[in-house]
Amino acid sequence: MRIVFMGTPDFAVPCIKALHDAGHELCAVYTQPDKPKGRGYTLTPPPVKVFALQHEIPVFQPEKLKNNAEVIEHLRAVSPDVIVVVAYGKILPKDILELPKYGCINVHASLLPKYRGAAPIQWSIINGESVTGVTTMCMDVGLDTGDMLLSEEITISENENAEQLHDELSSIGAELIVKTLKELENGTLTPKKQDDSLSCYAPMLDRTLSEIDWNDTAKNIHNKVRGLYPWPSAYSEAGGKRIKILKTQITAGKGNPGDVLSLTPFTVACGNGAVEIIELQPEGKKRMSASDFIRGNRTEITHLGK
């Protein structure tokens, strides 16, 4: 099939690679503009652009799609059978959605209609879900509201973080989009309407979510640490300094919320139960094990939080 691929981050790379390896004709890639990164604010291309250039696929990085005559003219000239969209980061207007023969197919990292939106992987962990998956869908003008095509479900383990789940789901998504296009071309797919009453929203993450409330349950705090890793990361304070909490596990313990019950292992009381902190990153320093952190602090830490 002739494919225009629209995607930007690491999550999308296994999908475009799988389509390339399956022998599809990738006639163009649309991705977000290069952005400054790092301390030197070096202009850095998105991962999907890097892959496309390595495989000599033409790359386009428009600032906007809506009311962009140049984009429409280009897509009509390319005449793709299908547009595949994976974490592109831009909303496709109606004139683009209706352009390809087979429409626009999205790979979404949740079991729709649950967790529509920008951060389904993270919110599934934060909310303590035990299962998630990947869904391919026909795109429409709504936000992740189109008819579902194929899906695959997986279990989320108790200590799996968002980075690990991201990698697992991106691999599943790559297999699923290849299968979806094959069945789409063969005419063996039956689109299924989403039940809007079962939907929930997974908004974009920001740093306002990061502070740990030790009055919360150990389970909820552990889920927050897992779900916000590696960005924006959960944090607390010790001695007036911010500490990112990077890895925890639920453990036995009881005390006033935020009180340190033990330094070896580093155990903190929650509103219900306790968590053991395994890895952290003190303000202005590199990540380290909790044991190294405790060894390097001369004054004993008795409480986390304000």
Foldseek 3Di string as FASTA:
>chain_A
DEEEEAAFAPLCVLQVVLCVVVPYHHQEYEAAAFWQDDPVRDGHGTPVVVVCVVVVHHYDHDPAAPPDVVVLVVCLVSAGQEYEYEHRPYQHDPSQQPRHVLGYKYKDWFDPPEAFEDQSLLVCLLVPPQKTWIWIFHDDRDGPQGFTWDIDMDTDDLFAASVNSSVVRSNVSNVVVVVRVVCSVVVNTDTHGGDVVPYDYDYDDDCVLAEDDLQDAPSNRQSNLRSCPPPPAHWWDWPRWIKGQNGKDFDADADDRFFFPDVVQGWGHGSHGIIGGAWMATPPGDIDGSNVVCVPDPDDTTGIHD
